[in-house]
């Protein structure tokens, strides 16, 4: 059974700080072929499309296209701040392995 991805309150708070909704944009999380492990995440601010899954919180939106949705089933979209920088991260239970930078994975 496919469950939609979950977005943490911290990720929605960061989107609000960026002002994504004020600009009419959402955080797009997509999966593409490539990267050092076979698949890679694309995370960017973008306009929601008609066929996107829309996850909402704090007046902000995270969108996932229908092709990427099976790859992100039951994943968690979060925001982290570390010494190496701040970024949105994906905790994906479907990934069998991932690269060191966390943007590439295999299934």
PDB file of N, CA and C in Angstrom:
ATOM      1  N   UNK A   1       0.841  -1.193   0.000  1.00  0.00           N
ATOM      2  CA  UNK A   1       0.000   0.000   0.000  1.00  0.00           C
ATOM      3  C   UNK A   1       0.882   1.251   0.000  1.00  0.00           C
ATOM      4  N   UNK A   2       0.638   2.116  -0.951  1.00  0.00           N
ATOM      5  CA  UNK A   2       1.410   3.343  -1.033  1.00  0.00           C
ATOM      6  C   UNK A   2       0.830   4.398  -0.107  1.00  0.00           C
ATOM      7  N   UNK A   3       1.689   4.942   0.716  1.00  0.00           N
ATOM      8  CA  UNK A   3       1.302   6.047   1.583  1.00  0.00           C
ATOM      9  C   UNK A   3       1.945   7.315   1.040  1.00  0.00           C
ATOM     10  N   UNK A   4       1.268   8.437   1.112  1.00  0.00           N
ATOM     11  CA  UNK A   4       1.885   9.679   0.617  1.00  0.00           C
ATOM     12  C   UNK A   4       3.073  10.068   1.500  1.00  0.00           C
ATOM     13  N   UNK A   5       3.988  10.848   0.946  1.00  0.00           N
ATOM     14  CA  UNK A   5       5.081  11.338   1.788  1.00  0.00           C
ATOM     15  C   UNK A   5       4.534  12.253   2.882  1.00  0.00           C
ATOM     16  N   UNK A   6       5.323  12.401   3.931  1.00  0.00           N
ATOM     17  CA  UNK A   6       4.958  13.258   5.069  1.00  0.00           C
ATOM     18  C   UNK A   6       5.939  14.423   5.100  1.00  0.00           C
ATOM     19  N   UNK A   7       5.447  15.593   5.435  1.00  0.00           N
ATOM     20  CA  UNK A   7       6.288  16.792   5.545  1.00  0.00           C
ATOM     21  C   UNK A   7       6.319  17.204   7.002  1.00  0.00           C
ATOM     22  N   UNK A   8       7.517  17.414   7.545  1.00  0.00           N
ATOM     23  CA  UNK A   8       7.637  17.792   8.956  1.00  0.00           C
ATOM     24  C   UNK A   8       7.254  19.261   9.157  1.00  0.00           C
ATOM     25  N   UNK A   9       6.827  19.597  10.369  1.00  0.00           N
ATOM     26  CA  UNK A   9       6.551  21.003  10.673  1.00  0.00           C
ATOM     27  C   UNK A   9       7.781  21.896  10.430  1.00  0.00           C
ATOM     28  N   UNK A  10       8.969  21.374  10.707  1.00  0.00           N
ATOM     29  CA  UNK A  10      10.203  22.151  10.497  1.00  0.00           C
ATOM     30  C   UNK A  10      10.374  22.518   9.013  1.00  0.00           C
ATOM     31  N   UNK A  11      10.028  21.600   8.109  1.00  0.00           N
ATOM     32  CA  UNK A  11      10.125  21.890   6.673  1.00  0.00           C
ATOM     33  C   UNK A  11       9.116  22.968   6.276  1.00  0.00           C
ATOM     34  N   UNK A  12       7.883  22.863   6.777  1.00  0.00           N
ATOM     35  CA  UNK A  12       6.884  23.893   6.475  1.00  0.00           C
ATOM     36  C   UNK A  12       7.303  25.249   7.055  1.00  0.00           C
ATOM     37  N   UNK A  13       7.896  25.256   8.248  1.00  0.00           N
ATOM     38  CA  UNK A  13       8.366  26.506   8.856  1.00  0.00           C
ATOM     39  C   UNK A  13       9.440  27.158   7.992  1.00  0.00           C
ATOM     40  N   UNK A  14      10.337  26.355   7.447  1.00  0.00           N
ATOM     41  CA  UNK A  14      11.395  26.896   6.595  1.00  0.00           C
ATOM     42  C   UNK A  14      10.801  27.480   5.307  1.00  0.00           C
ATOM     43  N   UNK A  15       9.817  26.804   4.744  1.00  0.00           N
ATOM     44  CA  UNK A  15       9.151  27.347   3.554  1.00  0.00           C
ATOM     45  C   UNK A  15       8.502  28.685   3.860  1.00  0.00           C
ATOM     46  N   UNK A  16       7.891  28.803   5.036  1.00  0.00           N
ATOM     47  CA  UNK A  16       7.281  30.071   5.436  1.00  0.00           C
ATOM     48  C   UNK A  16       8.350  31.149   5.585  1.00  0.00           C
ATOM     49  N   UNK A  17       9.506  30.779   6.130  1.00  0.00           N
ATOM     50  CA  UNK A  17      10.601  31.743   6.291  1.00  0.00           C
ATOM     51  C   UNK A  17      11.114  32.209   4.933  1.00  0.00           C
ATOM     52  N   UNK A  18      11.170  31.293   3.975  1.00  0.00           N
ATOM     53  CA  UNK A  18      11.588  31.639   2.619  1.00  0.00           C
ATOM     54  C   UNK A  18      10.539  32.516   1.943  1.00  0.00           C
ATOM     55  N   UNK A  19       9.282  32.340   2.327  1.00  0.00           N
ATOM     56  CA  UNK A  19       8.182  33.096   1.731  1.00  0.00           C
ATOM     57  C   UNK A  19       7.696  32.488   0.431  1.00  0.00           C
ATOM     58  N   UNK A  20       7.759  31.155   0.329  1.00  0.00           N
ATOM     59  CA  UNK A  20       7.373  30.470  -0.908  1.00  0.00           C
ATOM     60  C   UNK A  20       5.930  30.772  -1.296  1.00  0.00           C
ATOM     61  N   UNK A  21       4.995  30.645  -0.357  1.00  0.00           N
ATOM     62  CA  UNK A  21       3.578  30.877  -0.665  1.00  0.00           C
ATOM     63  C   UNK A  21       3.335  32.324  -1.069  1.00  0.00           C
ATOM     64  N   UNK A  22       4.069  33.254  -0.458  1.00  0.00           N
ATOM     65  CA  UNK A  22       3.924  34.661  -0.815  1.00  0.00           C
ATOM     66  C   UNK A  22       4.298  34.905  -2.270  1.00  0.00           C
ATOM     67  N   UNK A  23       5.165  34.052  -2.809  1.00  0.00           N
ATOM     68  CA  UNK A  23       5.601  34.159  -4.200  1.00  0.00           C
ATOM     69  C   UNK A  23       4.764  33.269  -5.118  1.00  0.00           C
ATOM     70  N   UNK A  24       3.730  32.604  -4.568  1.00  0.00           N
ATOM     71  CA  UNK A  24       2.883  31.719  -5.355  1.00  0.00           C
ATOM     72  C   UNK A  24       3.572  30.412  -5.723  1.00  0.00           C
ATOM     73  N   UNK A  25       4.580  30.036  -4.930  1.00  0.00           N
ATOM     74  CA  UNK A  25       5.343  28.836  -5.237  1.00  0.00           C
ATOM     75  C   UNK A  25       5.205  27.793  -4.137  1.00  0.00           C
ATOM     76  N   UNK A  26       5.615  26.585  -4.485  1.00  0.00           N
ATOM     77  CA  UNK A  26       5.623  25.462  -3.549  1.00  0.00           C
ATOM     78  C   UNK A  26       6.991  24.792  -3.654  1.00  0.00           C
ATOM     79  N   UNK A  27       7.306  23.969  -2.674  1.00  0.00           N
ATOM     80  CA  UNK A  27       8.523  23.175  -2.736  1.00  0.00           C
ATOM     81  C   UNK A  27       8.209  21.928  -3.551  1.00  0.00           C
ATOM     82  N   UNK A  28       8.874  21.777  -4.681  1.00  0.00           N
ATOM     83  CA  UNK A  28       8.695  20.587  -5.513  1.00  0.00           C
ATOM     84  C   UNK A  28       9.749  19.558  -5.141  1.00  0.00           C
ATOM     85  N   UNK A  29       9.289  18.338  -4.840  1.00  0.00           N
ATOM     86  CA  UNK A  29      10.183  17.216  -4.574  1.00  0.00           C
ATOM     87  C   UNK A  29       9.915  16.188  -5.666  1.00  0.00           C
ATOM     88  N   UNK A  30      10.954  15.888  -6.448  1.00  0.00           N
ATOM     89  CA  UNK A  30      10.815  14.962  -7.568  1.00  0.00           C
ATOM     90  C   UNK A  30      11.958  13.955  -7.540  1.00  0.00           C
ATOM     91  N   UNK A  31      11.765  12.855  -8.244  1.00  0.00           N
ATOM     92  CA  UNK A  31      12.794  11.827  -8.395  1.00  0.00           C
ATOM     93  C   UNK A  31      13.106  11.714  -9.875  1.00  0.00           C
ATOM     94  N   UNK A  32      14.404  11.749 -10.196  1.00  0.00           N
ATOM     95  CA  UNK A  32      14.863  11.620 -11.572  1.00  0.00           C
ATOM     96  C   UNK A  32      15.879  10.501 -11.662  1.00  0.00           C
ATOM     97  N   UNK A  33      16.037   9.945 -12.847  1.00  0.00           N
ATOM     98  CA  UNK A  33      17.097   8.973 -13.069  1.00  0.00           C
ATOM     99  C   UNK A  33      18.435   9.682 -13.074  1.00  0.00           C
ATOM    100  N   UNK A  34      19.474   9.012 -12.578  1.00  0.00           N
ATOM    101  CA  UNK A  34      20.812   9.603 -12.572  1.00  0.00           C
ATOM    102  C   UNK A  34      21.400   9.615 -11.184  1.00  0.00           C
ATOM    103  N   UNK A  35      22.438  10.398 -11.011  1.00  0.00           N
ATOM    104  CA  UNK A  35      23.123  10.445  -9.726  1.00  0.00           C
ATOM    105  C   UNK A  35      24.033   9.241  -9.563  1.00  0.00           C
ATOM    106  N   UNK A  36      24.810   9.232  -8.541  1.00  0.00           N
ATOM    107  CA  UNK A  36      25.797   8.158  -8.355  1.00  0.00           C
ATOM    108  C   UNK A  36      25.175   6.854  -7.878  1.00  0.00           C
ATOM    109  N   UNK A  37      23.909   6.864  -7.458  1.00  0.00           N
ATOM    110  CA  UNK A  37      23.272   5.638  -6.964  1.00  0.00           C
ATOM    111  C   UNK A  37      22.104   5.163  -7.829  1.00  0.00           C
ATOM    112  N   UNK A  38      21.805   5.831  -8.938  1.00  0.00           N
ATOM    113  CA  UNK A  38      20.740   5.392  -9.832  1.00  0.00           C
ATOM    114  C   UNK A  38      19.579   6.361  -9.946  1.00  0.00           C
ATOM    115  N   UNK A  39      19.141   6.928  -8.833  1.00  0.00           N
ATOM    116  CA  UNK A  39      18.084   7.933  -8.815  1.00  0.00           C
ATOM    117  C   UNK A  39      18.582   9.127  -8.021  1.00  0.00           C
ATOM    118  N   UNK A  40      18.028  10.291  -8.311  1.00  0.00           N
ATOM    119  CA  UNK A  40      18.391  11.468  -7.526  1.00  0.00           C
ATOM    120  C   UNK A  40      17.160  12.317  -7.256  1.00  0.00           C
ATOM    121  N   UNK A  41      17.211  13.026  -6.146  1.00  0.00           N
ATOM    122  CA  UNK A  41      16.125  13.929  -5.779  1.00  0.00           C
ATOM    123  C   UNK A  41      16.357  15.276  -6.442  1.00  0.00           C
ATOM    124  N   UNK A  42      15.273  15.873  -6.878  1.00  0.00           N
ATOM    125  CA  UNK A  42      15.302  17.258  -7.317  1.00  0.00           C
ATOM    126  C   UNK A  42      14.388  18.017  -6.368  1.00  0.00           C
ATOM    127  N   UNK A  43      14.935  19.011  -5.712  1.00  0.00           N
ATOM    128  CA  UNK A  43      14.179  19.803  -4.741  1.00  0.00           C
ATOM    129  C   UNK A  43      14.334  21.260  -5.140  1.00  0.00           C
ATOM    130  N   UNK A  44      13.208  21.898  -5.453  1.00  0.00           N
ATOM    131  CA  UNK A  44      13.268  23.291  -5.893  1.00  0.00           C
ATOM    132  C   UNK A  44      11.933  23.976  -5.645  1.00  0.00           C
ATOM    133  N   UNK A  45      11.946  25.296  -5.672  1.00  0.00           N
ATOM    134  CA  UNK A  45      10.704  26.063  -5.623  1.00  0.00           C
ATOM    135  C   UNK A  45      10.131  26.087  -7.032  1.00  0.00           C
ATOM    136  N   UNK A  46       8.822  25.861  -7.143  1.00  0.00           N
ATOM    137  CA  UNK A  46       8.198  25.735  -8.449  1.00  0.00           C
ATOM    138  C   UNK A  46       6.701  26.034  -8.332  1.00  0.00           C
ATOM    139  N   UNK A  47       6.069  26.214  -9.453  1.00  0.00           N
ATOM    140  CA  UNK A  47       4.621  26.384  -9.501  1.00  0.00           C
ATOM    141  C   UNK A  47       3.958  25.014  -9.406  1.00  0.00           C
ATOM    142  N   UNK A  48       2.926  24.845  -8.602  1.00  0.00           N
ATOM    143  CA  UNK A  48       2.198  23.569  -8.575  1.00  0.00           C
ATOM    144  C   UNK A  48       1.560  23.298  -9.935  1.00  0.00           C
ATOM    145  N   UNK A  49       1.577  22.032 -10.336  1.00  0.00           N
ATOM    146  CA  UNK A  49       0.930  21.611 -11.581  1.00  0.00           C
ATOM    147  C   UNK A  49      -0.402  20.941 -11.243  1.00  0.00           C
ATOM    148  N   UNK A  50      -1.245  20.821 -12.242  1.00  0.00           N
ATOM    149  CA  UNK A  50      -2.589  20.304 -12.024  1.00  0.00           C
ATOM    150  C   UNK A  50      -2.623  18.882 -11.476  1.00  0.00           C
ATOM    151  N   UNK A  51      -1.677  18.031 -11.909  1.00  0.00           N
ATOM    152  CA  UNK A  51      -1.702  16.622 -11.492  1.00  0.00           C
ATOM    153  C   UNK A  51      -0.798  16.315 -10.301  1.00  0.00           C
ATOM    154  N   UNK A  52      -0.270  17.340  -9.630  1.00  0.00           N
ATOM    155  CA  UNK A  52       0.598  17.143  -8.466  1.00  0.00           C
ATOM    156  C   UNK A  52      -0.199  16.715  -7.238  1.00  0.00           C
ATOM    157  N   UNK A  53       0.442  15.912  -6.394  1.00  0.00           N
ATOM    158  CA  UNK A  53      -0.057  15.696  -5.042  1.00  0.00           C
ATOM    159  C   UNK A  53       0.376  16.927  -4.255  1.00  0.00           C
ATOM    160  N   UNK A  54      -0.544  17.565  -3.558  1.00  0.00           N
ATOM    161  CA  UNK A  54      -0.237  18.777  -2.804  1.00  0.00           C
ATOM    162  C   UNK A  54      -0.349  18.463  -1.320  1.00  0.00           C
ATOM    163  N   UNK A  55       0.735  18.701  -0.587  1.00  0.00           N
ATOM    164  CA  UNK A  55       0.772  18.532   0.871  1.00  0.00           C
ATOM    165  C   UNK A  55       0.851  19.935   1.458  1.00  0.00           C
ATOM    166  N   UNK A  56      -0.061  20.271   2.377  1.00  0.00           N
ATOM    167  CA  UNK A  56      -0.136  21.632   2.889  1.00  0.00           C
ATOM    168  C   UNK A  56       0.050  21.705   4.394  1.00  0.00           C
ATOM    169  N   UNK A  57       0.681  22.777   4.840  1.00  0.00           N
ATOM    170  CA  UNK A  57       0.861  23.049   6.258  1.00  0.00           C
ATOM    171  C   UNK A  57       1.322  24.476   6.459  1.00  0.00           C
ATOM    172  N   UNK A  58       0.814  25.156   7.455  1.00  0.00           N
ATOM    173  CA  UNK A  58       1.188  26.544   7.764  1.00  0.00           C
ATOM    174  C   UNK A  58       1.006  27.475   6.574  1.00  0.00           C
ATOM    175  N   UNK A  59       0.040  27.186   5.695  1.00  0.00           N
ATOM    176  CA  UNK A  59      -0.169  28.023   4.520  1.00  0.00           C
ATOM    177  C   UNK A  59       0.839  27.781   3.412  1.00  0.00           C
ATOM    178  N   UNK A  60       1.711  26.815   3.586  1.00  0.00           N
ATOM    179  CA  UNK A  60       2.743  26.479   2.599  1.00  0.00           C
ATOM    180  C   UNK A  60       2.398  25.167   1.921  1.00  0.00           C
ATOM    181  N   UNK A  61       3.015  24.924   0.747  1.00  0.00           N
ATOM    182  CA  UNK A  61       2.733  23.711  -0.015  1.00  0.00           C
ATOM    183  C   UNK A  61       4.020  23.003  -0.420  1.00  0.00           C
ATOM    184  N   UNK A  62       3.943  21.674  -0.397  1.00  0.00           N
ATOM    185  CA  UNK A  62       4.962  20.808  -0.966  1.00  0.00           C
ATOM    186  C   UNK A  62       4.240  19.985  -2.016  1.00  0.00           C
ATOM    187  N   UNK A  63       4.811  19.903  -3.222  1.00  0.00           N
ATOM    188  CA  UNK A  63       4.158  19.178  -4.309  1.00  0.00           C
ATOM    189  C   UNK A  63       5.051  18.049  -4.813  1.00  0.00           C
ATOM    190  N   UNK A  64       4.393  16.952  -5.225  1.00  0.00           N
ATOM    191  CA  UNK A  64       5.081  15.786  -5.770  1.00  0.00           C
ATOM    192  C   UNK A  64       4.333  15.381  -7.034  1.00  0.00           C
ATOM    193  N   UNK A  65       5.065  15.218  -8.140  1.00  0.00           N
ATOM    194  CA  UNK A  65       4.418  14.807  -9.385  1.00  0.00           C
ATOM    195  C   UNK A  65       4.054  13.324  -9.337  1.00  0.00           C
ATOM    196  N   UNK A  66       3.140  12.916 -10.214  1.00  0.00           N
ATOM    197  CA  UNK A  66       2.618  11.546 -10.176  1.00  0.00           C
ATOM    198  C   UNK A  66       3.673  10.493 -10.510  1.00  0.00           C
ATOM    199  N   UNK A  67       4.672  10.822 -11.315  1.00  0.00           N
ATOM    200  CA  UNK A  67       5.732   9.865 -11.651  1.00  0.00           C
ATOM    201  C   UNK A  67       6.637   9.619 -10.446  1.00  0.00           C
ATOM    202  N   UNK A  68       6.913  10.657  -9.666  1.00  0.00           N
ATOM    203  CA  UNK A  68       7.810  10.545  -8.506  1.00  0.00           C
ATOM    204  C   UNK A  68       7.126   9.935  -7.290  1.00  0.00           C
ATOM    205  N   UNK A  69       5.822  10.011  -7.238  1.00  0.00           N
ATOM    206  CA  UNK A  69       5.076   9.595  -6.051  1.00  0.00           C
ATOM    207  C   UNK A  69       5.373   8.162  -5.591  1.00  0.00           C
ATOM    208  N   UNK A  70       5.420   7.152  -6.470  1.00  0.00           N
ATOM    209  CA  UNK A  70       5.728   5.797  -5.986  1.00  0.00           C
ATOM    210  C   UNK A  70       7.110   5.681  -5.333  1.00  0.00           C
ATOM    211  N   UNK A  71       8.073   6.460  -5.811  1.00  0.00           N
ATOM    212  CA  UNK A  71       9.421   6.438  -5.245  1.00  0.00           C
ATOM    213  C   UNK A  71       9.468   7.080  -3.860  1.00  0.00           C
ATOM    214  N   UNK A  72       8.502   7.948  -3.580  1.00  0.00           N
ATOM    215  CA  UNK A  72       8.486   8.707  -2.316  1.00  0.00           C
ATOM    216  C   UNK A  72       7.403   8.219  -1.357  1.00  0.00           C
ATOM    217  N   UNK A  73       6.816   7.063  -1.634  1.00  0.00           N
ATOM    218  CA  UNK A  73       5.781   6.527  -0.767  1.00  0.00           C
ATOM    219  C   UNK A  73       6.310   6.367   0.655  1.00  0.00           C
ATOM    220  N   UNK A  74       5.614   6.944   1.618  1.00  0.00           N
ATOM    221  CA  UNK A  74       5.942   6.859   3.042  1.00  0.00           C
ATOM    222  C   UNK A  74       7.266   7.550   3.416  1.00  0.00           C
ATOM    223  N   UNK A  75       7.794   8.385   2.536  1.00  0.00           N
ATOM    224  CA  UNK A  75       9.024   9.131   2.833  1.00  0.00           C
ATOM    225  C   UNK A  75       8.698  10.330   3.726  1.00  0.00           C
ATOM    226  N   UNK A  76       9.723  10.874   4.365  1.00  0.00           N
ATOM    227  CA  UNK A  76       9.577  12.069   5.184  1.00  0.00           C
ATOM    228  C   UNK A  76      10.434  13.179   4.583  1.00  0.00           C
ATOM    229  N   UNK A  77       9.819  14.330   4.362  1.00  0.00           N
ATOM    230  CA  UNK A  77      10.512  15.512   3.849  1.00  0.00           C
ATOM    231  C   UNK A  77      10.750  16.427   5.035  1.00  0.00           C
ATOM    232  N   UNK A  78      12.011  16.736   5.275  1.00  0.00           N
ATOM    233  CA  UNK A  78      12.390  17.496   6.469  1.00  0.00           C
ATOM    234  C   UNK A  78      13.351  18.608   6.069  1.00  0.00           C
ATOM    235  N   UNK A  79      13.688  19.457   7.019  1.00  0.00           N
ATOM    236  CA  UNK A  79      14.699  20.501   6.833  1.00  0.00           C
ATOM    237  C   UNK A  79      15.708  20.349   7.956  1.00  0.00           C
ATOM    238  N   UNK A  80      16.972  20.408   7.616  1.00  0.00           N
ATOM    239  CA  UNK A  80      18.012  20.254   8.622  1.00  0.00           C
ATOM    240  C   UNK A  80      19.047  21.367   8.502  1.00  0.00           C
ATOM    241  N   UNK A  81      19.597  21.748   9.633  1.00  0.00           N
ATOM    242  CA  UNK A  81      20.691  22.714   9.678  1.00  0.00           C
ATOM    243  C   UNK A  81      21.869  22.041  10.360  1.00  0.00           C
ATOM    244  N   UNK A  82      22.981  21.929   9.623  1.00  0.00           N
ATOM    245  CA  UNK A  82      24.185  21.290  10.146  1.00  0.00           C
ATOM    246  C   UNK A  82      25.376  22.200   9.901  1.00  0.00           C
ATOM    247  N   UNK A  83      26.530  21.804  10.363  1.00  0.00           N
ATOM    248  CA  UNK A  83      27.730  22.594  10.129  1.00  0.00           C
ATOM    249  C   UNK A  83      28.031  22.762   8.647  1.00  0.00           C
ATOM    250  N   UNK A  84      27.700  21.751   7.841  1.00  0.00           N
ATOM    251  CA  UNK A  84      27.981  21.830   6.410  1.00  0.00           C
ATOM    252  C   UNK A  84      26.940  22.646   5.647  1.00  0.00           C
ATOM    253  N   UNK A  85      25.858  23.042   6.303  1.00  0.00           N
ATOM    254  CA  UNK A  85      24.852  23.871   5.663  1.00  0.00           C
ATOM    255  C   UNK A  85      23.438  23.451   6.031  1.00  0.00           C
ATOM    256  N   UNK A  86      22.498  24.201   5.537  1.00  0.00           N
ATOM    257  CA  UNK A  86      21.080  23.935   5.780  1.00  0.00           C
ATOM    258  C   UNK A  86      20.455  23.480   4.468  1.00  0.00           C
ATOM    259  N   UNK A  87      19.537  22.496   4.566  1.00  0.00           N
ATOM    260  CA  UNK A  87      18.932  21.973   3.344  1.00  0.00           C
ATOM    261  C   UNK A  87      17.697  21.140   3.666  1.00  0.00           C
ATOM    262  N   UNK A  88      16.866  20.975   2.651  1.00  0.00           N
ATOM    263  CA  UNK A  88      15.754  20.037   2.751  1.00  0.00           C
ATOM    264  C   UNK A  88      16.306  18.640   2.513  1.00  0.00           C
ATOM    265  N   UNK A  89      15.838  17.668   3.285  1.00  0.00           N
ATOM    266  CA  UNK A  89      16.320  16.290   3.172  1.00  0.00           C
ATOM    267  C   UNK A  89      15.127  15.347   3.048  1.00  0.00           C
ATOM    268  N   UNK A  90      15.383  14.191   2.447  1.00  0.00           N
ATOM    269  CA  UNK A  90      14.361  13.163   2.271  1.00  0.00           C
ATOM    270  C   UNK A  90      14.805  11.923   3.038  1.00  0.00           C
ATOM    271  N   UNK A  91      13.977  11.466   3.945  1.00  0.00           N
ATOM    272  CA  UNK A  91      14.199  10.178   4.612  1.00  0.00           C
ATOM    273  C   UNK A  91      13.275   9.198   3.913  1.00  0.00           C
ATOM    274  N   UNK A  92      13.870   8.317   3.100  1.00  0.00           N
ATOM    275  CA  UNK A  92      13.082   7.468   2.215  1.00  0.00           C
ATOM    276  C   UNK A  92      13.231   5.997   2.602  1.00  0.00           C
ATOM    277  N   UNK A  93      12.178   5.374   3.146  1.00  0.00           N
ATOM    278  CA  UNK A  93      12.264   3.966   3.531  1.00  0.00           C
ATOM    279  C   UNK A  93      12.330   3.021   2.325  1.00  0.00           C
ATOM    280  N   UNK A  94      12.059   3.533   1.120  1.00  0.00           N
ATOM    281  CA  UNK A  94      12.117   2.718  -0.090  1.00  0.00           C
ATOM    282  C   UNK A  94      13.533   2.583  -0.641  1.00  0.00           C
ATOM    283  N   UNK A  95      14.432   3.450  -0.217  1.00  0.00           N
ATOM    284  CA  UNK A  95      15.802   3.445  -0.728  1.00  0.00           C
ATOM    285  C   UNK A  95      16.600   2.326  -0.065  1.00  0.00           C
ATOM    286  N   UNK A  96      17.238   1.497  -0.890  1.00  0.00           N
ATOM    287  CA  UNK A  96      18.066   0.423  -0.335  1.00  0.00           C
ATOM    288  C   UNK A  96      19.466   0.925  -0.002  1.00  0.00           C
ATOM    289  N   UNK A  97      19.902   1.993  -0.666  1.00  0.00           N
ATOM    290  CA  UNK A  97      21.175   2.631  -0.347  1.00  0.00           C
ATOM    291  C   UNK A  97      21.131   4.067  -0.847  1.00  0.00           C
ATOM    292  N   UNK A  98      22.028   4.888  -0.321  1.00  0.00           N
ATOM    293  CA  UNK A  98      22.109   6.274  -0.775  1.00  0.00           C
ATOM    294  C   UNK A  98      23.561   6.716  -0.769  1.00  0.00           C
ATOM    295  N   UNK A  99      23.820   7.809  -1.474  1.00  0.00           N
ATOM    296  CA  UNK A  99      25.188   8.324  -1.523  1.00  0.00           C
ATOM    297  C   UNK A  99      25.457   9.160  -0.271  1.00  0.00           C
ATOM    298  N   UNK A 100      26.681   9.561  -0.097  1.00  0.00           N
ATOM    299  CA  UNK A 100      27.075  10.316   1.082  1.00  0.00           C
ATOM    300  C   UNK A 100      26.408  11.674   1.201  1.00  0.00           C
ATOM    301  N   UNK A 101      26.091  12.302   0.069  1.00  0.00           N
ATOM    302  CA  UNK A 101      25.498  13.633   0.128  1.00  0.00           C
ATOM    303  C   UNK A 101      23.985  13.591   0.345  1.00  0.00           C
ATOM    304  N   UNK A 102      23.366  12.403   0.186  1.00  0.00           N
ATOM    305  CA  UNK A 102      21.949  12.256   0.458  1.00  0.00           C
ATOM    306  C   UNK A 102      21.032  12.685  -0.663  1.00  0.00           C
ATOM    307  N   UNK A 103      21.566  13.037  -1.831  1.00  0.00           N
ATOM    308  CA  UNK A 103      20.706  13.443  -2.939  1.00  0.00           C
ATOM    309  C   UNK A 103      20.507  12.341  -3.963  1.00  0.00           C
ATOM    310  N   UNK A 104      21.199  11.234  -3.806  1.00  0.00           N
ATOM    311  CA  UNK A 104      21.119  10.124  -4.756  1.00  0.00           C
ATOM    312  C   UNK A 104      20.829   8.842  -3.991  1.00  0.00           C
ATOM    313  N   UNK A 105      20.054   7.940  -4.615  1.00  0.00           N
ATOM    314  CA  UNK A 105      19.697   6.692  -3.915  1.00  0.00           C
ATOM    315  C   UNK A 105      19.417   5.601  -4.930  1.00  0.00           C
ATOM    316  N   UNK A 106      19.360   4.362  -4.449  1.00  0.00           N
ATOM    317  CA  UNK A 106      18.944   3.232  -5.277  1.00  0.00           C
ATOM    318  C   UNK A 106      17.827   2.504  -4.559  1.00  0.00           C
ATOM    319  N   UNK A 107      17.093   1.700  -5.344  1.00  0.00           N
ATOM    320  CA  UNK A 107      15.963   0.961  -4.792  1.00  0.00           C
ATOM    321  C   UNK A 107      16.150  -0.511  -5.041  1.00  0.00           C
TER     322      UNK A 107
END
